[in-house]
Amino acid sequence: MTTDPILVGEGIAHEFGDLSVLEGVDIPVAPGEVTAIVGPNGTGKTTLLRILLGHLSPTDGEVRYMGPDVDRPIGYLPQQPSFRPQFTAAETIAFYAALLDEPAETEAALRRVGLADAADRRVEALSGGMRRLLGIAQSLVGEPPVAVFDEPASGLDPSMATNAFETLADRAADGTAVLVSSHDLSLVDRFADRVVFLNRGSVVVSGSPAELADSTNSETLWEVYESVIREPAARREVEA
């Protein structure tokens, strides 16, 4: 880590009834870095994000935010962003800015995610991918010190997905602590500073893409995934 973390989860555990979803998860999120959480479906990634956001209380462990006292300490893009369908893209950004008593810099916010030409288009007329980009734009309204994105590239074509991750990297370069959950390992490999591999509710390995590749004799993050997630799972199936 190049700087002290601004958001920390320590010993995070969570249970839904008798089902253990997370167990002993430690995760630091530092300013100026893109931290990515990757892992199979159903391994607790979204639950972990919700706990770090304060939307869900952990069964055990704690979350500490150590950033400035601002109106919006954490911006958030959920997997399924939902906006008022009758609003235009520009009106949507202005609405969120008004909640924070911020100047509505709608043009800059939409340009940041490649939606400047769609400023006057109603949300109901936007494609699913464009609504996701609009979600990224709204999550950054107010310049929150921490920004959390749950599958920001989902439903986007390769060009739009790259644009989305470039936006996250640009925010990190400006000092924002960016936390992202994603299945797109090629984009994570390209843009993340730190990667946390989560499997069966626990952290398997974490580090920079280069560190993880070196430690597993891999060339790509997908090969790291194969080494630490898929191959152990295959061995468990054989042993069972």
C-alpha atoms as a PDB file:
ATOM      1  CA  MET A   1       0.000   0.000   0.000  1.00  0.00           C
ATOM      2  CA  THR A   2       1.423   3.378  -0.956  1.00  0.00           C
ATOM      3  CA  THR A   3      -0.738   5.354   1.509  1.00  0.00           C
ATOM      4  CA  ASP A   4      -2.657   4.659   4.700  1.00  0.00           C
ATOM      5  CA  PRO A   5      -6.132   3.233   4.066  1.00  0.00           C
ATOM      6  CA  ILE A   6      -9.168   5.485   4.359  1.00  0.00           C
ATOM      7  CA  LEU A   7     -11.674   2.600   4.668  1.00  0.00           C
ATOM      8  CA  VAL A   8     -10.894  -0.659   6.480  1.00  0.00           C
ATOM      9  CA  GLY A   9     -12.800  -3.842   7.105  1.00  0.00           C
ATOM     10  CA  GLU A  10     -11.285  -6.049   9.803  1.00  0.00           C
ATOM     11  CA  GLY A  11     -12.343  -9.591  10.627  1.00  0.00           C
ATOM     12  CA  ILE A  12     -15.587  -9.179   8.710  1.00  0.00           C
ATOM     13  CA  ALA A  13     -17.974 -12.111   9.097  1.00  0.00           C
ATOM     14  CA  HIS A  14     -21.610 -12.342   8.106  1.00  0.00           C
ATOM     15  CA  GLU A  15     -24.297 -14.975   8.331  1.00  0.00           C
ATOM     16  CA  PHE A  16     -27.754 -15.189   6.825  1.00  0.00           C
ATOM     17  CA  GLY A  17     -29.467 -17.525   9.248  1.00  0.00           C
ATOM     18  CA  ASP A  18     -27.398 -20.708   9.298  1.00  0.00           C
ATOM     19  CA  LEU A  19     -25.532 -19.769   6.112  1.00  0.00           C
ATOM     20  CA  SER A  20     -22.059 -18.305   6.595  1.00  0.00           C
ATOM     21  CA  VAL A  21     -21.371 -15.845   3.753  1.00  0.00           C
ATOM     22  CA  LEU A  22     -18.201 -14.121   4.958  1.00  0.00           C
ATOM     23  CA  GLU A  23     -15.605 -15.225   7.479  1.00  0.00           C
ATOM     24  CA  GLY A  24     -12.628 -13.251   8.801  1.00  0.00           C
ATOM     25  CA  VAL A  25     -12.272 -10.885   5.849  1.00  0.00           C
ATOM     26  CA  ASP A  26      -9.687  -8.114   6.146  1.00  0.00           C
ATOM     27  CA  ILE A  27      -9.698  -5.461   3.435  1.00  0.00           C
ATOM     28  CA  PRO A  28      -8.023  -2.042   3.359  1.00  0.00           C
ATOM     29  CA  VAL A  29      -9.002   0.583   0.759  1.00  0.00           C
ATOM     30  CA  ALA A  30      -6.470   3.343   0.181  1.00  0.00           C
ATOM     31  CA  PRO A  31      -6.742   6.772  -1.459  1.00  0.00           C
ATOM     32  CA  GLY A  32      -5.273   7.003  -4.929  1.00  0.00           C
ATOM     33  CA  GLU A  33      -5.738   3.301  -5.655  1.00  0.00           C
ATOM     34  CA  VAL A  34      -8.216   1.050  -7.429  1.00  0.00           C
ATOM     35  CA  THR A  35      -8.881  -1.960  -5.199  1.00  0.00           C
ATOM     36  CA  ALA A  36     -10.714  -4.785  -6.968  1.00  0.00           C
ATOM     37  CA  ILE A  37     -12.615  -7.678  -5.409  1.00  0.00           C
ATOM     38  CA  VAL A  38     -12.892 -10.722  -7.661  1.00  0.00           C
ATOM     39  CA  GLY A  39     -14.234 -14.215  -7.162  1.00  0.00           C
ATOM     40  CA  PRO A  40     -16.951 -16.654  -8.220  1.00  0.00           C
ATOM     41  CA  ASN A  41     -20.648 -15.858  -8.079  1.00  0.00           C
ATOM     42  CA  GLY A  42     -22.145 -16.318  -4.634  1.00  0.00           C
ATOM     43  CA  THR A  43     -18.876 -15.889  -2.782  1.00  0.00           C
ATOM     44  CA  GLY A  44     -19.954 -12.803  -0.822  1.00  0.00           C
ATOM     45  CA  LYS A  45     -18.629  -9.903  -2.893  1.00  0.00           C
ATOM     46  CA  THR A  46     -21.814  -7.811  -2.858  1.00  0.00           C
ATOM     47  CA  THR A  47     -22.442  -8.619   0.809  1.00  0.00           C
ATOM     48  CA  LEU A  48     -18.938  -7.396   1.618  1.00  0.00           C
ATOM     49  CA  LEU A  49     -19.497  -4.174  -0.312  1.00  0.00           C
ATOM     50  CA  ARG A  50     -22.794  -3.553   1.504  1.00  0.00           C
ATOM     51  CA  ILE A  51     -21.071  -4.037   4.865  1.00  0.00           C
ATOM     52  CA  LEU A  52     -18.251  -1.653   3.944  1.00  0.00           C
ATOM     53  CA  LEU A  53     -20.860   0.889   2.838  1.00  0.00           C
ATOM     54  CA  GLY A  54     -22.705   0.611   6.152  1.00  0.00           C
ATOM     55  CA  HIS A  55     -25.846  -0.745   4.474  1.00  0.00           C
ATOM     56  CA  LEU A  56     -25.530  -4.054   6.326  1.00  0.00           C
ATOM     57  CA  SER A  57     -24.142  -4.806   9.777  1.00  0.00           C
ATOM     58  CA  PRO A  58     -21.546  -7.581  10.014  1.00  0.00           C
ATOM     59  CA  THR A  59     -22.138 -10.536  12.271  1.00  0.00           C
ATOM     60  CA  ASP A  60     -18.591 -10.038  13.500  1.00  0.00           C
ATOM     61  CA  GLY A  61     -15.708  -7.670  12.791  1.00  0.00           C
ATOM     62  CA  GLU A  62     -15.744  -3.941  12.199  1.00  0.00           C
ATOM     63  CA  VAL A  63     -15.590  -1.301   9.495  1.00  0.00           C
ATOM     64  CA  ARG A  64     -13.710   1.961  10.027  1.00  0.00           C
ATOM     65  CA  TYR A  65     -13.919   5.044   7.820  1.00  0.00           C
ATOM     66  CA  MET A  66     -10.999   7.374   8.461  1.00  0.00           C
ATOM     67  CA  GLY A  67     -11.608  10.040   5.853  1.00  0.00           C
ATOM     68  CA  PRO A  68     -12.799  13.629   6.069  1.00  0.00           C
ATOM     69  CA  ASP A  69     -16.201  14.538   7.524  1.00  0.00           C
ATOM     70  CA  VAL A  70     -18.081  15.415   4.342  1.00  0.00           C
ATOM     71  CA  ASP A  71     -21.722  15.239   3.229  1.00  0.00           C
ATOM     72  CA  ARG A  72     -21.029  12.231   1.042  1.00  0.00           C
ATOM     73  CA  PRO A  73     -18.057  10.217   2.289  1.00  0.00           C
ATOM     74  CA  ILE A  74     -18.799   7.221   0.028  1.00  0.00           C
ATOM     75  CA  GLY A  75     -20.287   7.185  -3.467  1.00  0.00           C
ATOM     76  CA  TYR A  76     -21.939   3.958  -4.615  1.00  0.00           C
ATOM     77  CA  LEU A  77     -22.968   2.243  -7.835  1.00  0.00           C
ATOM     78  CA  PRO A  78     -25.125  -0.848  -7.136  1.00  0.00           C
ATOM     79  CA  GLN A  79     -25.398  -3.723  -9.590  1.00  0.00           C
ATOM     80  CA  GLN A  80     -28.838  -2.522 -10.682  1.00  0.00           C
ATOM     81  CA  PRO A  81     -28.896   1.293 -10.610  1.00  0.00           C
ATOM     82  CA  SER A  82     -32.404   2.747 -10.629  1.00  0.00           C
ATOM     83  CA  PHE A  83     -33.355   6.285 -11.591  1.00  0.00           C
ATOM     84  CA  ARG A  84     -36.572   8.198 -12.220  1.00  0.00           C
ATOM     85  CA  PRO A  85     -37.442   7.173 -15.782  1.00  0.00           C
ATOM     86  CA  GLN A  86     -38.972  10.535 -16.711  1.00  0.00           C
ATOM     87  CA  PHE A  87     -35.821  12.479 -15.798  1.00  0.00           C
ATOM     88  CA  THR A  88     -33.228  13.249 -18.417  1.00  0.00           C
ATOM     89  CA  ALA A  89     -29.632  12.232 -17.800  1.00  0.00           C
ATOM     90  CA  ALA A  90     -28.783  15.858 -16.962  1.00  0.00           C
ATOM     91  CA  GLU A  91     -31.766  16.186 -14.607  1.00  0.00           C
ATOM     92  CA  THR A  92     -30.692  12.987 -12.839  1.00  0.00           C
ATOM     93  CA  ILE A  93     -27.243  14.383 -12.075  1.00  0.00           C
ATOM     94  CA  ALA A  94     -28.751  17.722 -11.024  1.00  0.00           C
ATOM     95  CA  PHE A  95     -31.131  15.882  -8.660  1.00  0.00           C
ATOM     96  CA  TYR A  96     -28.267  14.145  -6.829  1.00  0.00           C
ATOM     97  CA  ALA A  97     -26.239  17.355  -6.723  1.00  0.00           C
ATOM     98  CA  ALA A  98     -29.203  19.153  -5.121  1.00  0.00           C
ATOM     99  CA  LEU A  99     -29.378  16.504  -2.376  1.00  0.00           C
ATOM    100  CA  LEU A 100     -25.817  17.458  -1.436  1.00  0.00           C
ATOM    101  CA  ASP A 101     -26.323  21.170  -1.969  1.00  0.00           C
ATOM    102  CA  GLU A 102     -23.618  20.958  -4.636  1.00  0.00           C
ATOM    103  CA  PRO A 103     -23.426  22.948  -7.882  1.00  0.00           C
ATOM    104  CA  ALA A 104     -24.961  20.852 -10.655  1.00  0.00           C
ATOM    105  CA  GLU A 105     -21.986  20.414 -12.967  1.00  0.00           C
ATOM    106  CA  THR A 106     -23.995  18.091 -15.167  1.00  0.00           C
ATOM    107  CA  GLU A 107     -22.064  18.589 -18.391  1.00  0.00           C
ATOM    108  CA  ALA A 108     -18.724  17.713 -16.791  1.00  0.00           C
ATOM    109  CA  ALA A 109     -20.209  14.744 -14.934  1.00  0.00           C
ATOM    110  CA  LEU A 110     -21.738  13.276 -18.078  1.00  0.00           C
ATOM    111  CA  ARG A 111     -18.695  14.000 -20.216  1.00  0.00           C
ATOM    112  CA  ARG A 112     -16.593  12.111 -17.689  1.00  0.00           C
ATOM    113  CA  VAL A 113     -18.444   8.872 -18.533  1.00  0.00           C
ATOM    114  CA  GLY A 114     -19.045   9.531 -22.226  1.00  0.00           C
ATOM    115  CA  LEU A 115     -22.706  10.553 -21.954  1.00  0.00           C
ATOM    116  CA  ALA A 116     -22.438  14.240 -22.903  1.00  0.00           C
ATOM    117  CA  ASP A 117     -24.417  13.661 -26.113  1.00  0.00           C
ATOM    118  CA  ALA A 118     -27.210  11.964 -24.130  1.00  0.00           C
ATOM    119  CA  ALA A 119     -27.693  14.785 -21.611  1.00  0.00           C
ATOM    120  CA  ASP A 120     -31.251  15.549 -22.775  1.00  0.00           C
ATOM    121  CA  ARG A 121     -32.322  11.953 -23.272  1.00  0.00           C
ATOM    122  CA  ARG A 122     -34.780  10.546 -20.741  1.00  0.00           C
ATOM    123  CA  VAL A 123     -33.577   7.703 -18.541  1.00  0.00           C
ATOM    124  CA  GLU A 124     -36.294   5.415 -19.900  1.00  0.00           C
ATOM    125  CA  ALA A 125     -34.815   5.888 -23.384  1.00  0.00           C
ATOM    126  CA  LEU A 126     -31.266   5.024 -22.352  1.00  0.00           C
ATOM    127  CA  SER A 127     -29.844   1.573 -22.980  1.00  0.00           C
ATOM    128  CA  GLY A 128     -28.952  -0.592 -19.996  1.00  0.00           C
ATOM    129  CA  GLY A 129     -25.280   0.153 -20.543  1.00  0.00           C
ATOM    130  CA  MET A 130     -25.896   3.892 -20.699  1.00  0.00           C
ATOM    131  CA  ARG A 131     -27.868   3.740 -17.452  1.00  0.00           C
ATOM    132  CA  ARG A 132     -24.898   2.024 -15.847  1.00  0.00           C
ATOM    133  CA  LEU A 133     -22.607   4.815 -17.056  1.00  0.00           C
ATOM    134  CA  LEU A 134     -25.112   7.315 -15.668  1.00  0.00           C
ATOM    135  CA  GLY A 135     -24.859   5.408 -12.389  1.00  0.00           C
ATOM    136  CA  ILE A 136     -21.104   5.870 -12.371  1.00  0.00           C
ATOM    137  CA  ALA A 137     -21.590   9.587 -12.970  1.00  0.00           C
ATOM    138  CA  GLN A 138     -24.066   9.950 -10.082  1.00  0.00           C
ATOM    139  CA  SER A 139     -21.842   7.958  -7.723  1.00  0.00           C
ATOM    140  CA  LEU A 140     -19.128  10.581  -8.178  1.00  0.00           C
ATOM    141  CA  VAL A 141     -21.347  13.617  -7.566  1.00  0.00           C
ATOM    142  CA  GLY A 142     -19.902  15.587  -4.679  1.00  0.00           C
ATOM    143  CA  GLU A 143     -16.414  14.139  -5.176  1.00  0.00           C
ATOM    144  CA  PRO A 144     -16.696  11.532  -2.368  1.00  0.00           C
ATOM    145  CA  PRO A 145     -13.363  10.440  -0.847  1.00  0.00           C
ATOM    146  CA  VAL A 146     -14.372   6.793  -1.381  1.00  0.00           C
ATOM    147  CA  ALA A 147     -16.231   5.420  -4.418  1.00  0.00           C
ATOM    148  CA  VAL A 148     -17.621   1.870  -4.513  1.00  0.00           C
ATOM    149  CA  PHE A 149     -18.713   0.157  -7.724  1.00  0.00           C
ATOM    150  CA  ASP A 150     -20.481  -3.207  -7.907  1.00  0.00           C
ATOM    151  CA  GLU A 151     -19.880  -4.714 -11.375  1.00  0.00           C
ATOM    152  CA  PRO A 152     -19.542  -1.377 -13.230  1.00  0.00           C
ATOM    153  CA  ALA A 153     -18.787  -3.092 -16.563  1.00  0.00           C
ATOM    154  CA  SER A 154     -21.810  -5.411 -16.481  1.00  0.00           C
ATOM    155  CA  GLY A 155     -23.870  -5.091 -19.661  1.00  0.00           C
ATOM    156  CA  LEU A 156     -21.380  -2.789 -21.361  1.00  0.00           C
ATOM    157  CA  ASP A 157     -19.750  -3.424 -24.711  1.00  0.00           C
ATOM    158  CA  PRO A 158     -15.920  -3.607 -24.661  1.00  0.00           C
ATOM    159  CA  SER A 159     -15.476   0.059 -25.536  1.00  0.00           C
ATOM    160  CA  MET A 160     -17.932   1.294 -22.892  1.00  0.00           C
ATOM    161  CA  ALA A 161     -16.507  -1.105 -20.300  1.00  0.00           C
ATOM    162  CA  THR A 162     -13.013   0.215 -20.913  1.00  0.00           C
ATOM    163  CA  ASN A 163     -14.340   3.774 -20.651  1.00  0.00           C
ATOM    164  CA  ALA A 164     -15.973   2.914 -17.321  1.00  0.00           C
ATOM    165  CA  PHE A 165     -12.740   1.544 -15.861  1.00  0.00           C
ATOM    166  CA  GLU A 166     -10.743   4.470 -17.251  1.00  0.00           C
ATOM    167  CA  THR A 167     -13.121   6.753 -15.337  1.00  0.00           C
ATOM    168  CA  LEU A 168     -12.479   4.818 -12.123  1.00  0.00           C
ATOM    169  CA  ALA A 169      -8.719   4.939 -12.682  1.00  0.00           C
ATOM    170  CA  ASP A 170      -8.896   8.684 -13.348  1.00  0.00           C
ATOM    171  CA  ARG A 171     -10.709   9.192 -10.038  1.00  0.00           C
ATOM    172  CA  ALA A 172      -8.082   7.146  -8.233  1.00  0.00           C
ATOM    173  CA  ALA A 173      -5.347   9.214  -9.892  1.00  0.00           C
ATOM    174  CA  ASP A 174      -7.024  12.299  -8.409  1.00  0.00           C
ATOM    175  CA  GLY A 175      -6.848  10.778  -4.912  1.00  0.00           C
ATOM    176  CA  THR A 176     -10.163   8.950  -4.571  1.00  0.00           C
ATOM    177  CA  ALA A 177     -10.157   5.544  -2.895  1.00  0.00           C
ATOM    178  CA  VAL A 178     -11.866   3.333  -5.478  1.00  0.00           C
ATOM    179  CA  LEU A 179     -13.287  -0.087  -4.584  1.00  0.00           C
ATOM    180  CA  VAL A 180     -14.736  -2.216  -7.385  1.00  0.00           C
ATOM    181  CA  SER A 181     -16.225  -5.676  -7.695  1.00  0.00           C
ATOM    182  CA  SER A 182     -15.870  -7.146 -11.174  1.00  0.00           C
ATOM    183  CA  HIS A 183     -15.871 -10.380 -13.165  1.00  0.00           C
ATOM    184  CA  ASP A 184     -13.904  -8.781 -15.996  1.00  0.00           C
ATOM    185  CA  LEU A 185     -10.417  -9.968 -15.129  1.00  0.00           C
ATOM    186  CA  SER A 186      -8.819  -8.353 -18.170  1.00  0.00           C
ATOM    187  CA  LEU A 187      -9.994  -4.906 -17.061  1.00  0.00           C
ATOM    188  CA  VAL A 188      -9.066  -5.588 -13.451  1.00  0.00           C
ATOM    189  CA  ASP A 189      -5.612  -6.725 -14.589  1.00  0.00           C
ATOM    190  CA  ARG A 190      -5.230  -3.524 -16.582  1.00  0.00           C
ATOM    191  CA  PHE A 191      -6.587  -0.938 -14.151  1.00  0.00           C
ATOM    192  CA  ALA A 192      -6.474  -2.273 -10.572  1.00  0.00           C
ATOM    193  CA  ASP A 193      -3.640  -1.411  -8.192  1.00  0.00           C
ATOM    194  CA  ARG A 194      -4.643  -4.078  -5.690  1.00  0.00           C
ATOM    195  CA  VAL A 195      -6.724  -7.232  -6.201  1.00  0.00           C
ATOM    196  CA  VAL A 196      -8.478  -9.212  -3.478  1.00  0.00           C
ATOM    197  CA  PHE A 197      -9.468 -12.760  -4.436  1.00  0.00           C
ATOM    198  CA  LEU A 198     -12.519 -13.815  -2.458  1.00  0.00           C
ATOM    199  CA  ASN A 199     -13.722 -17.419  -2.446  1.00  0.00           C
ATOM    200  CA  ARG A 200     -16.154 -19.293  -0.209  1.00  0.00           C
ATOM    201  CA  GLY A 201     -16.450 -16.180   1.960  1.00  0.00           C
ATOM    202  CA  SER A 202     -12.743 -15.739   2.700  1.00  0.00           C
ATOM    203  CA  VAL A 203      -9.799 -13.883   1.194  1.00  0.00           C
ATOM    204  CA  VAL A 204      -7.615 -16.378  -0.673  1.00  0.00           C
ATOM    205  CA  VAL A 205      -4.836 -14.019  -1.828  1.00  0.00           C
ATOM    206  CA  SER A 206      -4.419 -10.288  -2.311  1.00  0.00           C
ATOM    207  CA  GLY A 207      -1.832  -7.961  -3.792  1.00  0.00           C
ATOM    208  CA  SER A 208      -1.024  -6.058  -6.942  1.00  0.00           C
ATOM    209  CA  PRO A 209      -1.635  -7.876 -10.257  1.00  0.00           C
ATOM    210  CA  ALA A 210       2.129  -8.167 -10.726  1.00  0.00           C
ATOM    211  CA  GLU A 211       2.677  -9.556  -7.216  1.00  0.00           C
ATOM    212  CA  LEU A 212      -0.087 -12.121  -7.649  1.00  0.00           C
ATOM    213  CA  ALA A 213       1.250 -13.176 -11.027  1.00  0.00           C
ATOM    214  CA  ASP A 214       4.759 -13.626  -9.607  1.00  0.00           C
ATOM    215  CA  SER A 215       3.567 -15.592  -6.588  1.00  0.00           C
ATOM    216  CA  THR A 216       1.585 -18.050  -8.738  1.00  0.00           C
ATOM    217  CA  ASN A 217       3.948 -18.211 -11.740  1.00  0.00           C
ATOM    218  CA  SER A 218       1.226 -16.688 -13.902  1.00  0.00           C
ATOM    219  CA  GLU A 219       1.242 -14.236 -16.784  1.00  0.00           C
ATOM    220  CA  THR A 220      -2.313 -12.924 -16.490  1.00  0.00           C
ATOM    221  CA  LEU A 221      -4.870 -12.402 -13.749  1.00  0.00           C
ATOM    222  CA  TRP A 222      -7.012 -15.091 -15.346  1.00  0.00           C
ATOM    223  CA  GLU A 223      -4.164 -17.556 -14.783  1.00  0.00           C
ATOM    224  CA  VAL A 224      -4.006 -16.394 -11.160  1.00  0.00           C
ATOM    225  CA  TYR A 225      -7.747 -17.067 -10.907  1.00  0.00           C
ATOM    226  CA  GLU A 226      -7.214 -20.539 -12.335  1.00  0.00           C
ATOM    227  CA  SER A 227      -4.458 -21.195  -9.812  1.00  0.00           C
ATOM    228  CA  VAL A 228      -6.147 -19.968  -6.634  1.00  0.00           C
ATOM    229  CA  ILE A 229      -9.850 -20.523  -7.369  1.00  0.00           C
ATOM    230  CA  ARG A 230     -10.574 -23.073 -10.116  1.00  0.00           C
ATOM    231  CA  GLU A 231      -7.848 -25.642  -9.485  1.00  0.00           C
ATOM    232  CA  PRO A 232      -8.506 -25.897  -5.694  1.00  0.00           C
ATOM    233  CA  ALA A 233     -12.241 -26.216  -6.432  1.00  0.00           C
ATOM    234  CA  ALA A 234     -11.553 -29.061  -8.874  1.00  0.00           C
ATOM    235  CA  ARG A 235      -9.430 -30.848  -6.261  1.00  0.00           C
ATOM    236  CA  ARG A 236     -12.210 -30.514  -3.683  1.00  0.00           C
ATOM    237  CA  GLU A 237     -14.677 -32.097  -6.125  1.00  0.00           C
ATOM    238  CA  VAL A 238     -12.325 -35.026  -6.749  1.00  0.00           C
ATOM    239  CA  GLU A 239     -11.729 -35.536  -3.030  1.00  0.00           C
ATOM    240  CA  ALA A 240     -15.477 -35.434  -2.342  1.00  0.00           C
END
